[in-house]
PDB file of N, CA and C in Angstrom:
ATOM      1  N   UNK A   1      30.633  -6.340  16.863  1.00  0.00           N
ATOM      2  CA  UNK A   1      30.514  -7.332  15.818  1.00  0.00           C
ATOM      3  C   UNK A   1      29.321  -7.032  14.914  1.00  0.00           C
ATOM      4  N   UNK A   2      28.145  -6.705  15.530  1.00  0.00           N
ATOM      5  CA  UNK A   2      26.959  -6.442  14.743  1.00  0.00           C
ATOM      6  C   UNK A   2      27.144  -5.219  13.859  1.00  0.00           C
ATOM      7  N   UNK A   3      27.716  -4.173  14.438  1.00  0.00           N
ATOM      8  CA  UNK A   3      27.937  -2.950  13.681  1.00  0.00           C
ATOM      9  C   UNK A   3      28.834  -3.213  12.489  1.00  0.00           C
ATOM     10  N   UNK A   4      29.860  -3.998  12.680  1.00  0.00           N
ATOM     11  CA  UNK A   4      30.774  -4.325  11.581  1.00  0.00           C
ATOM     12  C   UNK A   4      30.010  -5.042  10.473  1.00  0.00           C
ATOM     13  N   UNK A   5      29.205  -6.031  10.835  1.00  0.00           N
ATOM     14  CA  UNK A   5      28.450  -6.778   9.823  1.00  0.00           C
ATOM     15  C   UNK A   5      27.526  -5.852   9.039  1.00  0.00           C
ATOM     16  N   UNK A   6      26.777  -5.024   9.740  1.00  0.00           N
ATOM     17  CA  UNK A   6      25.836  -4.138   9.063  1.00  0.00           C
ATOM     18  C   UNK A   6      26.574  -3.091   8.230  1.00  0.00           C
ATOM     19  N   UNK A   7      27.727  -2.628   8.681  1.00  0.00           N
ATOM     20  CA  UNK A   7      28.519  -1.682   7.892  1.00  0.00           C
ATOM     21  C   UNK A   7      29.055  -2.333   6.622  1.00  0.00           C
ATOM     22  N   UNK A   8      29.445  -3.594   6.712  1.00  0.00           N
ATOM     23  CA  UNK A   8      29.942  -4.311   5.536  1.00  0.00           C
ATOM     24  C   UNK A   8      28.823  -4.672   4.563  1.00  0.00           C
ATOM     25  N   UNK A   9      27.592  -4.673   5.037  1.00  0.00           N
ATOM     26  CA  UNK A   9      26.427  -5.000   4.214  1.00  0.00           C
ATOM     27  C   UNK A   9      25.455  -3.824   4.258  1.00  0.00           C
ATOM     28  N   UNK A  10      25.931  -2.684   3.793  1.00  0.00           N
ATOM     29  CA  UNK A  10      25.191  -1.429   3.958  1.00  0.00           C
ATOM     30  C   UNK A  10      23.854  -1.389   3.228  1.00  0.00           C
ATOM     31  N   UNK A  11      23.634  -2.265   2.268  1.00  0.00           N
ATOM     32  CA  UNK A  11      22.354  -2.274   1.563  1.00  0.00           C
ATOM     33  C   UNK A  11      21.300  -3.121   2.286  1.00  0.00           C
ATOM     34  N   UNK A  12      21.696  -3.804   3.351  1.00  0.00           N
ATOM     35  CA  UNK A  12      20.761  -4.656   4.098  1.00  0.00           C
ATOM     36  C   UNK A  12      20.069  -3.827   5.173  1.00  0.00           C
ATOM     37  N   UNK A  13      18.737  -3.913   5.203  1.00  0.00           N
ATOM     38  CA  UNK A  13      17.962  -3.192   6.210  1.00  0.00           C
ATOM     39  C   UNK A  13      17.984  -3.932   7.544  1.00  0.00           C
ATOM     40  N   UNK A  14      17.979  -5.240   7.459  1.00  0.00           N
ATOM     41  CA  UNK A  14      18.001  -6.100   8.652  1.00  0.00           C
ATOM     42  C   UNK A  14      18.456  -7.486   8.210  1.00  0.00           C
ATOM     43  N   UNK A  15      18.879  -8.283   9.196  1.00  0.00           N
ATOM     44  CA  UNK A  15      19.311  -9.642   8.885  1.00  0.00           C
ATOM     45  C   UNK A  15      18.858 -10.576  10.001  1.00  0.00           C
ATOM     46  N   UNK A  16      18.315 -11.714   9.591  1.00  0.00           N
ATOM     47  CA  UNK A  16      17.952 -12.757  10.552  1.00  0.00           C
ATOM     48  C   UNK A  16      18.889 -13.935  10.332  1.00  0.00           C
ATOM     49  N   UNK A  17      18.797 -14.893  11.222  1.00  0.00           N
ATOM     50  CA  UNK A  17      19.625 -16.086  11.078  1.00  0.00           C
ATOM     51  C   UNK A  17      18.776 -17.316  11.375  1.00  0.00           C
ATOM     52  N   UNK A  18      19.258 -18.442  10.938  1.00  0.00           N
ATOM     53  CA  UNK A  18      18.632 -19.698  11.337  1.00  0.00           C
ATOM     54  C   UNK A  18      18.969 -19.932  12.802  1.00  0.00           C
ATOM     55  N   UNK A  19      18.260 -20.859  13.419  1.00  0.00           N
ATOM     56  CA  UNK A  19      18.510 -21.115  14.839  1.00  0.00           C
ATOM     57  C   UNK A  19      18.183 -22.556  15.191  1.00  0.00           C
ATOM     58  N   UNK A  20      18.705 -22.965  16.329  1.00  0.00           N
ATOM     59  CA  UNK A  20      18.403 -24.285  16.868  1.00  0.00           C
ATOM     60  C   UNK A  20      17.344 -24.152  17.940  1.00  0.00           C
ATOM     61  N   UNK A  21      16.350 -25.014  17.874  1.00  0.00           N
ATOM     62  CA  UNK A  21      15.393 -25.173  18.955  1.00  0.00           C
ATOM     63  C   UNK A  21      16.015 -26.194  19.883  1.00  0.00           C
ATOM     64  N   UNK A  22      16.170 -25.832  21.167  1.00  0.00           N
ATOM     65  CA  UNK A  22      16.798 -26.730  22.133  1.00  0.00           C
ATOM     66  C   UNK A  22      15.876 -26.938  23.327  1.00  0.00           C
ATOM     67  N   UNK A  23      16.064 -28.037  24.025  1.00  0.00           N
ATOM     68  CA  UNK A  23      15.261 -28.300  25.223  1.00  0.00           C
ATOM     69  C   UNK A  23      15.947 -27.689  26.439  1.00  0.00           C
ATOM     70  N   UNK A  24      15.390 -27.921  27.616  1.00  0.00           N
ATOM     71  CA  UNK A  24      15.929 -27.334  28.843  1.00  0.00           C
ATOM     72  C   UNK A  24      17.346 -27.782  29.158  1.00  0.00           C
ATOM     73  N   UNK A  25      17.758 -28.905  28.565  1.00  0.00           N
ATOM     74  CA  UNK A  25      19.113 -29.420  28.782  1.00  0.00           C
ATOM     75  C   UNK A  25      20.059 -29.088  27.638  1.00  0.00           C
ATOM     76  N   UNK A  26      19.651 -28.146  26.783  1.00  0.00           N
ATOM     77  CA  UNK A  26      20.448 -27.703  25.632  1.00  0.00           C
ATOM     78  C   UNK A  26      20.546 -28.755  24.520  1.00  0.00           C
ATOM     79  N   UNK A  27      19.736 -29.792  24.578  1.00  0.00           N
ATOM     80  CA  UNK A  27      19.731 -30.812  23.521  1.00  0.00           C
ATOM     81  C   UNK A  27      19.010 -30.249  22.299  1.00  0.00           C
ATOM     82  N   UNK A  28      19.668 -30.380  21.151  1.00  0.00           N
ATOM     83  CA  UNK A  28      19.083 -29.870  19.912  1.00  0.00           C
ATOM     84  C   UNK A  28      17.856 -30.691  19.544  1.00  0.00           C
ATOM     85  N   UNK A  29      16.748 -29.989  19.359  1.00  0.00           N
ATOM     86  CA  UNK A  29      15.508 -30.626  18.938  1.00  0.00           C
ATOM     87  C   UNK A  29      15.366 -30.521  17.427  1.00  0.00           C
ATOM     88  N   UNK A  30      15.694 -29.327  16.908  1.00  0.00           N
ATOM     89  CA  UNK A  30      15.456 -29.065  15.492  1.00  0.00           C
ATOM     90  C   UNK A  30      16.230 -27.833  15.055  1.00  0.00           C
ATOM     91  N   UNK A  31      16.676 -27.832  13.804  1.00  0.00           N
ATOM     92  CA  UNK A  31      17.244 -26.629  13.194  1.00  0.00           C
ATOM     93  C   UNK A  31      16.101 -25.943  12.453  1.00  0.00           C
ATOM     94  N   UNK A  32      15.966 -24.630  12.648  1.00  0.00           N
ATOM     95  CA  UNK A  32      14.839 -23.901  12.085  1.00  0.00           C
ATOM     96  C   UNK A  32      15.333 -22.752  11.207  1.00  0.00           C
ATOM     97  N   UNK A  33      14.672 -22.576  10.089  1.00  0.00           N
ATOM     98  CA  UNK A  33      14.986 -21.478   9.173  1.00  0.00           C
ATOM     99  C   UNK A  33      14.430 -20.175   9.726  1.00  0.00           C
ATOM    100  N   UNK A  34      15.288 -19.186   9.867  1.00  0.00           N
ATOM    101  CA  UNK A  34      14.853 -17.870  10.303  1.00  0.00           C
ATOM    102  C   UNK A  34      13.977 -17.184   9.273  1.00  0.00           C
ATOM    103  N   UNK A  35      14.061 -17.610   8.031  1.00  0.00           N
ATOM    104  CA  UNK A  35      13.213 -17.046   6.989  1.00  0.00           C
ATOM    105  C   UNK A  35      11.800 -17.620   7.095  1.00  0.00           C
ATOM    106  N   UNK A  36      11.709 -18.939   7.308  1.00  0.00           N
ATOM    107  CA  UNK A  36      10.406 -19.602   7.348  1.00  0.00           C
ATOM    108  C   UNK A  36       9.685 -19.421   8.679  1.00  0.00           C
ATOM    109  N   UNK A  37      10.443 -19.449   9.768  1.00  0.00           N
ATOM    110  CA  UNK A  37       9.870 -19.294  11.116  1.00  0.00           C
ATOM    111  C   UNK A  37      10.707 -18.269  11.872  1.00  0.00           C
ATOM    112  N   UNK A  38      10.489 -16.992  11.562  1.00  0.00           N
ATOM    113  CA  UNK A  38      11.322 -15.958  12.192  1.00  0.00           C
ATOM    114  C   UNK A  38      11.112 -15.874  13.695  1.00  0.00           C
ATOM    115  N   UNK A  39      12.154 -15.445  14.360  1.00  0.00           N
ATOM    116  CA  UNK A  39      12.117 -15.243  15.806  1.00  0.00           C
ATOM    117  C   UNK A  39      12.762 -13.878  16.072  1.00  0.00           C
ATOM    118  N   UNK A  40      12.104 -13.066  16.865  1.00  0.00           N
ATOM    119  CA  UNK A  40      12.527 -11.671  17.049  1.00  0.00           C
ATOM    120  C   UNK A  40      13.966 -11.549  17.531  1.00  0.00           C
ATOM    121  N   UNK A  41      14.354 -12.381  18.474  1.00  0.00           N
ATOM    122  CA  UNK A  41      15.692 -12.251  19.040  1.00  0.00           C
ATOM    123  C   UNK A  41      16.780 -12.708  18.074  1.00  0.00           C
ATOM    124  N   UNK A  42      16.400 -13.262  16.944  1.00  0.00           N
ATOM    125  CA  UNK A  42      17.365 -13.683  15.940  1.00  0.00           C
ATOM    126  C   UNK A  42      17.464 -12.716  14.778  1.00  0.00           C
ATOM    127  N   UNK A  43      17.039 -11.462  14.981  1.00  0.00           N
ATOM    128  CA  UNK A  43      17.078 -10.454  13.917  1.00  0.00           C
ATOM    129  C   UNK A  43      17.891  -9.256  14.369  1.00  0.00           C
ATOM    130  N   UNK A  44      18.744  -8.768  13.486  1.00  0.00           N
ATOM    131  CA  UNK A  44      19.514  -7.560  13.724  1.00  0.00           C
ATOM    132  C   UNK A  44      18.990  -6.492  12.760  1.00  0.00           C
ATOM    133  N   UNK A  45      18.410  -5.437  13.307  1.00  0.00           N
ATOM    134  CA  UNK A  45      17.813  -4.356  12.521  1.00  0.00           C
ATOM    135  C   UNK A  45      18.719  -3.132  12.530  1.00  0.00           C
ATOM    136  N   UNK A  46      18.616  -2.338  11.500  1.00  0.00           N
ATOM    137  CA  UNK A  46      19.248  -1.021  11.539  1.00  0.00           C
ATOM    138  C   UNK A  46      18.411  -0.158  12.476  1.00  0.00           C
ATOM    139  N   UNK A  47      19.038   0.430  13.458  1.00  0.00           N
ATOM    140  CA  UNK A  47      18.340   1.178  14.502  1.00  0.00           C
ATOM    141  C   UNK A  47      17.498   2.318  13.928  1.00  0.00           C
ATOM    142  N   UNK A  48      18.048   3.055  12.974  1.00  0.00           N
ATOM    143  CA  UNK A  48      17.302   4.187  12.420  1.00  0.00           C
ATOM    144  C   UNK A  48      16.014   3.730  11.746  1.00  0.00           C
ATOM    145  N   UNK A  49      16.010   2.530  11.151  1.00  0.00           N
ATOM    146  CA  UNK A  49      14.809   2.023  10.494  1.00  0.00           C
ATOM    147  C   UNK A  49      13.774   1.565  11.519  1.00  0.00           C
ATOM    148  N   UNK A  50      14.247   1.075  12.662  1.00  0.00           N
ATOM    149  CA  UNK A  50      13.311   0.727  13.732  1.00  0.00           C
ATOM    150  C   UNK A  50      12.617   1.983  14.261  1.00  0.00           C
ATOM    151  N   UNK A  51      13.372   3.052  14.437  1.00  0.00           N
ATOM    152  CA  UNK A  51      12.764   4.311  14.881  1.00  0.00           C
ATOM    153  C   UNK A  51      11.787   4.825  13.828  1.00  0.00           C
ATOM    154  N   UNK A  52      12.136   4.641  12.572  1.00  0.00           N
ATOM    155  CA  UNK A  52      11.276   5.085  11.475  1.00  0.00           C
ATOM    156  C   UNK A  52       9.891   4.424  11.535  1.00  0.00           C
ATOM    157  N   UNK A  53       9.838   3.143  11.892  1.00  0.00           N
ATOM    158  CA  UNK A  53       8.550   2.441  11.932  1.00  0.00           C
ATOM    159  C   UNK A  53       7.865   2.529  13.294  1.00  0.00           C
ATOM    160  N   UNK A  54       8.539   3.108  14.274  1.00  0.00           N
ATOM    161  CA  UNK A  54       7.911   3.319  15.575  1.00  0.00           C
ATOM    162  C   UNK A  54       8.206   2.261  16.618  1.00  0.00           C
ATOM    163  N   UNK A  55       9.251   1.473  16.446  1.00  0.00           N
ATOM    164  CA  UNK A  55       9.646   0.455  17.423  1.00  0.00           C
ATOM    165  C   UNK A  55       8.499  -0.513  17.720  1.00  0.00           C
ATOM    166  N   UNK A  56       8.592  -1.219  18.841  1.00  0.00           N
ATOM    167  CA  UNK A  56       7.549  -2.176  19.221  1.00  0.00           C
ATOM    168  C   UNK A  56       6.282  -1.444  19.645  1.00  0.00           C
ATOM    169  N   UNK A  57       5.133  -2.017  19.297  1.00  0.00           N
ATOM    170  CA  UNK A  57       3.842  -1.511  19.745  1.00  0.00           C
ATOM    171  C   UNK A  57       3.601  -2.089  21.133  1.00  0.00           C
ATOM    172  N   UNK A  58       3.602  -1.238  22.143  1.00  0.00           N
ATOM    173  CA  UNK A  58       3.507  -1.689  23.529  1.00  0.00           C
ATOM    174  C   UNK A  58       2.144  -2.257  23.899  1.00  0.00           C
ATOM    175  N   UNK A  59       1.163  -2.153  23.007  1.00  0.00           N
ATOM    176  CA  UNK A  59      -0.148  -2.762  23.261  1.00  0.00           C
ATOM    177  C   UNK A  59      -0.070  -4.287  23.180  1.00  0.00           C
ATOM    178  N   UNK A  60       0.933  -4.778  22.465  1.00  0.00           N
ATOM    179  CA  UNK A  60       1.098  -6.222  22.308  1.00  0.00           C
ATOM    180  C   UNK A  60       1.909  -6.781  23.471  1.00  0.00           C
ATOM    181  N   UNK A  61       1.321  -7.724  24.184  1.00  0.00           N
ATOM    182  CA  UNK A  61       2.031  -8.429  25.253  1.00  0.00           C
ATOM    183  C   UNK A  61       2.543  -9.771  24.738  1.00  0.00           C
ATOM    184  N   UNK A  62       2.049 -10.195  23.579  1.00  0.00           N
ATOM    185  CA  UNK A  62       2.490 -11.395  22.871  1.00  0.00           C
ATOM    186  C   UNK A  62       2.408 -11.056  21.381  1.00  0.00           C
ATOM    187  N   UNK A  63       3.184 -11.756  20.577  1.00  0.00           N
ATOM    188  CA  UNK A  63       3.200 -11.562  19.120  1.00  0.00           C
ATOM    189  C   UNK A  63       3.691 -10.166  18.713  1.00  0.00           C
ATOM    190  N   UNK A  64       4.353  -9.477  19.633  1.00  0.00           N
ATOM    191  CA  UNK A  64       4.852  -8.131  19.329  1.00  0.00           C
ATOM    192  C   UNK A  64       5.880  -8.149  18.214  1.00  0.00           C
ATOM    193  N   UNK A  65       6.647  -9.241  18.134  1.00  0.00           N
ATOM    194  CA  UNK A  65       7.651  -9.332  17.074  1.00  0.00           C
ATOM    195  C   UNK A  65       7.001  -9.523  15.715  1.00  0.00           C
ATOM    196  N   UNK A  66       5.851 -10.174  15.651  1.00  0.00           N
ATOM    197  CA  UNK A  66       5.146 -10.336  14.377  1.00  0.00           C
ATOM    198  C   UNK A  66       4.647  -8.990  13.877  1.00  0.00           C
ATOM    199  N   UNK A  67       4.099  -8.193  14.778  1.00  0.00           N
ATOM    200  CA  UNK A  67       3.649  -6.851  14.419  1.00  0.00           C
ATOM    201  C   UNK A  67       4.822  -6.013  13.918  1.00  0.00           C
ATOM    202  N   UNK A  68       5.934  -6.049  14.642  1.00  0.00           N
ATOM    203  CA  UNK A  68       7.116  -5.285  14.244  1.00  0.00           C
ATOM    204  C   UNK A  68       7.587  -5.691  12.851  1.00  0.00           C
ATOM    205  N   UNK A  69       7.665  -6.983  12.603  1.00  0.00           N
ATOM    206  CA  UNK A  69       8.135  -7.462  11.299  1.00  0.00           C
ATOM    207  C   UNK A  69       7.179  -7.071  10.175  1.00  0.00           C
ATOM    208  N   UNK A  70       5.885  -7.197  10.411  1.00  0.00           N
ATOM    209  CA  UNK A  70       4.914  -6.811   9.381  1.00  0.00           C
ATOM    210  C   UNK A  70       5.073  -5.341   9.012  1.00  0.00           C
ATOM    211  N   UNK A  71       5.212  -4.489  10.018  1.00  0.00           N
ATOM    212  CA  UNK A  71       5.395  -3.061   9.750  1.00  0.00           C
ATOM    213  C   UNK A  71       6.730  -2.796   9.077  1.00  0.00           C
ATOM    214  N   UNK A  72       7.786  -3.475   9.542  1.00  0.00           N
ATOM    215  CA  UNK A  72       9.124  -3.278   8.987  1.00  0.00           C
ATOM    216  C   UNK A  72       9.175  -3.702   7.519  1.00  0.00           C
ATOM    217  N   UNK A  73       8.574  -4.840   7.215  1.00  0.00           N
ATOM    218  CA  UNK A  73       8.685  -5.397   5.861  1.00  0.00           C
ATOM    219  C   UNK A  73       7.775  -4.709   4.842  1.00  0.00           C
ATOM    220  N   UNK A  74       7.005  -3.737   5.274  1.00  0.00           N
ATOM    221  CA  UNK A  74       6.225  -2.946   4.306  1.00  0.00           C
ATOM    222  C   UNK A  74       7.153  -2.095   3.441  1.00  0.00           C
ATOM    223  N   UNK A  75       8.271  -1.658   4.008  1.00  0.00           N
ATOM    224  CA  UNK A  75       9.188  -0.785   3.274  1.00  0.00           C
ATOM    225  C   UNK A  75      10.635  -1.264   3.267  1.00  0.00           C
ATOM    226  N   UNK A  76      10.909  -2.342   3.994  1.00  0.00           N
ATOM    227  CA  UNK A  76      12.296  -2.786   4.141  1.00  0.00           C
ATOM    228  C   UNK A  76      12.389  -4.296   3.972  1.00  0.00           C
ATOM    229  N   UNK A  77      13.604  -4.752   3.741  1.00  0.00           N
ATOM    230  CA  UNK A  77      13.843  -6.183   3.534  1.00  0.00           C
ATOM    231  C   UNK A  77      14.663  -6.746   4.687  1.00  0.00           C
ATOM    232  N   UNK A  78      14.248  -7.910   5.161  1.00  0.00           N
ATOM    233  CA  UNK A  78      15.029  -8.644   6.155  1.00  0.00           C
ATOM    234  C   UNK A  78      15.684  -9.807   5.425  1.00  0.00           C
ATOM    235  N   UNK A  79      16.984  -9.767   5.308  1.00  0.00           N
ATOM    236  CA  UNK A  79      17.731 -10.861   4.689  1.00  0.00           C
ATOM    237  C   UNK A  79      17.933 -11.956   5.727  1.00  0.00           C
ATOM    238  N   UNK A  80      18.231 -13.152   5.276  1.00  0.00           N
ATOM    239  CA  UNK A  80      18.453 -14.265   6.209  1.00  0.00           C
ATOM    240  C   UNK A  80      19.792 -14.933   5.921  1.00  0.00           C
ATOM    241  N   UNK A  81      20.528 -15.197   6.984  1.00  0.00           N
ATOM    242  CA  UNK A  81      21.769 -15.971   6.890  1.00  0.00           C
ATOM    243  C   UNK A  81      21.409 -17.401   7.264  1.00  0.00           C
ATOM    244  N   UNK A  82      21.690 -18.309   6.378  1.00  0.00           N
ATOM    245  CA  UNK A  82      21.309 -19.707   6.605  1.00  0.00           C
ATOM    246  C   UNK A  82      22.335 -20.451   7.457  1.00  0.00           C
ATOM    247  N   UNK A  83      22.633 -19.854   8.585  1.00  0.00           N
ATOM    248  CA  UNK A  83      23.508 -20.462   9.586  1.00  0.00           C
ATOM    249  C   UNK A  83      22.785 -20.385  10.925  1.00  0.00           C
ATOM    250  N   UNK A  84      22.784 -21.455  11.704  1.00  0.00           N
ATOM    251  CA  UNK A  84      22.144 -21.399  13.017  1.00  0.00           C
ATOM    252  C   UNK A  84      23.048 -20.672  14.021  1.00  0.00           C
ATOM    253  N   UNK A  85      22.789 -19.395  14.194  1.00  0.00           N
ATOM    254  CA  UNK A  85      23.611 -18.565  15.067  1.00  0.00           C
ATOM    255  C   UNK A  85      22.929 -18.253  16.395  1.00  0.00           C
ATOM    256  N   UNK A  86      21.799 -18.877  16.630  1.00  0.00           N
ATOM    257  CA  UNK A  86      21.021 -18.602  17.835  1.00  0.00           C
ATOM    258  C   UNK A  86      20.410 -19.899  18.335  1.00  0.00           C
ATOM    259  N   UNK A  87      20.169 -19.977  19.634  1.00  0.00           N
ATOM    260  CA  UNK A  87      19.468 -21.130  20.223  1.00  0.00           C
ATOM    261  C   UNK A  87      18.224 -20.620  20.922  1.00  0.00           C
ATOM    262  N   UNK A  88      17.099 -21.211  20.600  1.00  0.00           N
ATOM    263  CA  UNK A  88      15.844 -20.869  21.261  1.00  0.00           C
ATOM    264  C   UNK A  88      15.458 -22.021  22.159  1.00  0.00           C
ATOM    265  N   UNK A  89      15.414 -21.748  23.463  1.00  0.00           N
ATOM    266  CA  UNK A  89      15.140 -22.805  24.434  1.00  0.00           C
ATOM    267  C   UNK A  89      13.639 -22.998  24.579  1.00  0.00           C
ATOM    268  N   UNK A  90      13.177 -24.210  24.316  1.00  0.00           N
ATOM    269  CA  UNK A  90      11.773 -24.603  24.450  1.00  0.00           C
ATOM    270  C   UNK A  90      11.583 -25.215  25.829  1.00  0.00           C
ATOM    271  N   UNK A  91      10.604 -24.674  26.597  1.00  0.00           N
ATOM    272  CA  UNK A  91      10.305 -25.224  27.917  1.00  0.00           C
ATOM    273  C   UNK A  91       8.842 -24.957  28.236  1.00  0.00           C
ATOM    274  N   UNK A  92       8.362 -25.516  29.300  1.00  0.00           N
ATOM    275  CA  UNK A  92       6.940 -25.431  29.655  1.00  0.00           C
ATOM    276  C   UNK A  92       6.456 -24.019  29.929  1.00  0.00           C
ATOM    277  N   UNK A  93       7.354 -23.122  30.318  1.00  0.00           N
ATOM    278  CA  UNK A  93       6.941 -21.768  30.668  1.00  0.00           C
ATOM    279  C   UNK A  93       7.033 -20.774  29.511  1.00  0.00           C
ATOM    280  N   UNK A  94       7.338 -21.239  28.297  1.00  0.00           N
ATOM    281  CA  UNK A  94       7.369 -20.338  27.135  1.00  0.00           C
ATOM    282  C   UNK A  94       6.001 -19.676  26.980  1.00  0.00           C
ATOM    283  N   UNK A  95       5.993 -18.394  26.733  1.00  0.00           N
ATOM    284  CA  UNK A  95       4.724 -17.694  26.510  1.00  0.00           C
ATOM    285  C   UNK A  95       3.975 -18.251  25.306  1.00  0.00           C
ATOM    286  N   UNK A  96       4.699 -18.775  24.332  1.00  0.00           N
ATOM    287  CA  UNK A  96       4.042 -19.323  23.142  1.00  0.00           C
ATOM    288  C   UNK A  96       3.215 -20.568  23.462  1.00  0.00           C
ATOM    289  N   UNK A  97       3.402 -21.143  24.641  1.00  0.00           N
ATOM    290  CA  UNK A  97       2.579 -22.284  25.062  1.00  0.00           C
ATOM    291  C   UNK A  97       1.211 -21.836  25.580  1.00  0.00           C
ATOM    292  N   UNK A  98       1.038 -20.550  25.790  1.00  0.00           N
ATOM    293  CA  UNK A  98      -0.228 -20.002  26.273  1.00  0.00           C
ATOM    294  C   UNK A  98      -1.148 -19.778  25.069  1.00  0.00           C
ATOM    295  N   UNK A  99      -1.878 -20.813  24.676  1.00  0.00           N
ATOM    296  CA  UNK A  99      -2.692 -20.739  23.463  1.00  0.00           C
ATOM    297  C   UNK A  99      -3.783 -19.677  23.555  1.00  0.00           C
ATOM    298  N   UNK A 100      -4.320 -19.480  24.744  1.00  0.00           N
ATOM    299  CA  UNK A 100      -5.361 -18.467  24.924  1.00  0.00           C
ATOM    300  C   UNK A 100      -4.812 -17.065  24.611  1.00  0.00           C
ATOM    301  N   UNK A 101      -3.672 -16.752  25.205  1.00  0.00           N
ATOM    302  CA  UNK A 101      -3.044 -15.455  24.958  1.00  0.00           C
ATOM    303  C   UNK A 101      -2.582 -15.303  23.517  1.00  0.00           C
ATOM    304  N   UNK A 102      -2.010 -16.358  22.961  1.00  0.00           N
ATOM    305  CA  UNK A 102      -1.545 -16.309  21.573  1.00  0.00           C
ATOM    306  C   UNK A 102      -2.715 -16.064  20.622  1.00  0.00           C
ATOM    307  N   UNK A 103      -3.847 -16.711  20.878  1.00  0.00           N
ATOM    308  CA  UNK A 103      -5.032 -16.517  20.034  1.00  0.00           C
ATOM    309  C   UNK A 103      -5.582 -15.101  20.171  1.00  0.00           C
ATOM    310  N   UNK A 104      -5.599 -14.605  21.404  1.00  0.00           N
ATOM    311  CA  UNK A 104      -6.081 -13.246  21.647  1.00  0.00           C
ATOM    312  C   UNK A 104      -5.268 -12.227  20.844  1.00  0.00           C
ATOM    313  N   UNK A 105      -3.951 -12.342  20.926  1.00  0.00           N
ATOM    314  CA  UNK A 105      -3.106 -11.372  20.239  1.00  0.00           C
ATOM    315  C   UNK A 105      -3.025 -11.625  18.739  1.00  0.00           C
ATOM    316  N   UNK A 106      -3.329 -12.820  18.292  1.00  0.00           N
ATOM    317  CA  UNK A 106      -3.435 -13.087  16.850  1.00  0.00           C
ATOM    318  C   UNK A 106      -4.604 -12.290  16.283  1.00  0.00           C
ATOM    319  N   UNK A 107      -5.703 -12.242  17.017  1.00  0.00           N
ATOM    320  CA  UNK A 107      -6.868 -11.449  16.590  1.00  0.00           C
ATOM    321  C   UNK A 107      -6.528  -9.958  16.561  1.00  0.00           C
ATOM    322  N   UNK A 108      -5.827  -9.501  17.591  1.00  0.00           N
ATOM    323  CA  UNK A 108      -5.411  -8.090  17.634  1.00  0.00           C
ATOM    324  C   UNK A 108      -4.502  -7.786  16.441  1.00  0.00           C
ATOM    325  N   UNK A 109      -3.566  -8.673  16.169  1.00  0.00           N
ATOM    326  CA  UNK A 109      -2.634  -8.514  15.055  1.00  0.00           C
ATOM    327  C   UNK A 109      -3.385  -8.483  13.730  1.00  0.00           C
ATOM    328  N   UNK A 110      -4.288  -9.439  13.531  1.00  0.00           N
ATOM    329  CA  UNK A 110      -5.058  -9.498  12.279  1.00  0.00           C
ATOM    330  C   UNK A 110      -5.891  -8.233  12.090  1.00  0.00           C
ATOM    331  N   UNK A 111      -6.532  -7.788  13.151  1.00  0.00           N
ATOM    332  CA  UNK A 111      -7.362  -6.578  13.073  1.00  0.00           C
ATOM    333  C   UNK A 111      -6.506  -5.361  12.729  1.00  0.00           C
ATOM    334  N   UNK A 112      -5.392  -5.215  13.398  1.00  0.00           N
ATOM    335  CA  UNK A 112      -4.515  -4.063  13.153  1.00  0.00           C
ATOM    336  C   UNK A 112      -4.017  -4.049  11.720  1.00  0.00           C
ATOM    337  N   UNK A 113      -3.606  -5.179  11.212  1.00  0.00           N
ATOM    338  CA  UNK A 113      -3.001  -5.187   9.881  1.00  0.00           C
ATOM    339  C   UNK A 113      -4.034  -5.228   8.769  1.00  0.00           C
ATOM    340  N   UNK A 114      -5.255  -5.647   9.041  1.00  0.00           N
ATOM    341  CA  UNK A 114      -6.350  -5.481   8.064  1.00  0.00           C
ATOM    342  C   UNK A 114      -6.634  -3.996   7.903  1.00  0.00           C
ATOM    343  N   UNK A 115      -6.624  -3.269   9.016  1.00  0.00           N
ATOM    344  CA  UNK A 115      -6.855  -1.832   8.989  1.00  0.00           C
ATOM    345  C   UNK A 115      -5.790  -1.153   8.154  1.00  0.00           C
ATOM    346  N   UNK A 116      -4.514  -1.541   8.332  1.00  0.00           N
ATOM    347  CA  UNK A 116      -3.429  -0.956   7.534  1.00  0.00           C
ATOM    348  C   UNK A 116      -3.637  -1.245   6.045  1.00  0.00           C
ATOM    349  N   UNK A 117      -4.036  -2.474   5.710  1.00  0.00           N
ATOM    350  CA  UNK A 117      -4.218  -2.847   4.305  1.00  0.00           C
ATOM    351  C   UNK A 117      -5.360  -2.060   3.659  1.00  0.00           C
ATOM    352  N   UNK A 118      -6.412  -1.768   4.425  1.00  0.00           N
ATOM    353  CA  UNK A 118      -7.550  -1.031   3.899  1.00  0.00           C
ATOM    354  C   UNK A 118      -7.184   0.415   3.576  1.00  0.00           C
ATOM    355  N   UNK A 119      -6.231   0.990   4.319  1.00  0.00           N
ATOM    356  CA  UNK A 119      -5.831   2.383   4.110  1.00  0.00           C
ATOM    357  C   UNK A 119      -5.113   2.569   2.775  1.00  0.00           C
ATOM    358  N   UNK A 120      -4.477   1.539   2.272  1.00  0.00           N
ATOM    359  CA  UNK A 120      -3.665   1.673   1.045  1.00  0.00           C
ATOM    360  C   UNK A 120      -4.519   1.869  -0.188  1.00  0.00           C
TER     361      UNK A 120
END
């Protein structure tokens, strides 16, 4: 299915979708725009372009998808389909609830991408 979509939209480098935030019982909490609040698992990338940018940076244990998107969007466009085609389950064990870890990797992300911006 994914290959067909990307073949039919050959000018698209990647595509994200909107998604539903759901609780542990699958109850819809909120519909979220994939453009405004992207989520890594809701993006379909062209494989060759992922290899071109070097895939995920394994130094990141959190926020790895933000790093990937920042690097990807330097030369490529991620289009968004405004349909909720994914469900993101919110629960107490989500890594995003670990504010200490999220803050740590936000600093790593900021430092890495400031360095990239300075090189230009």
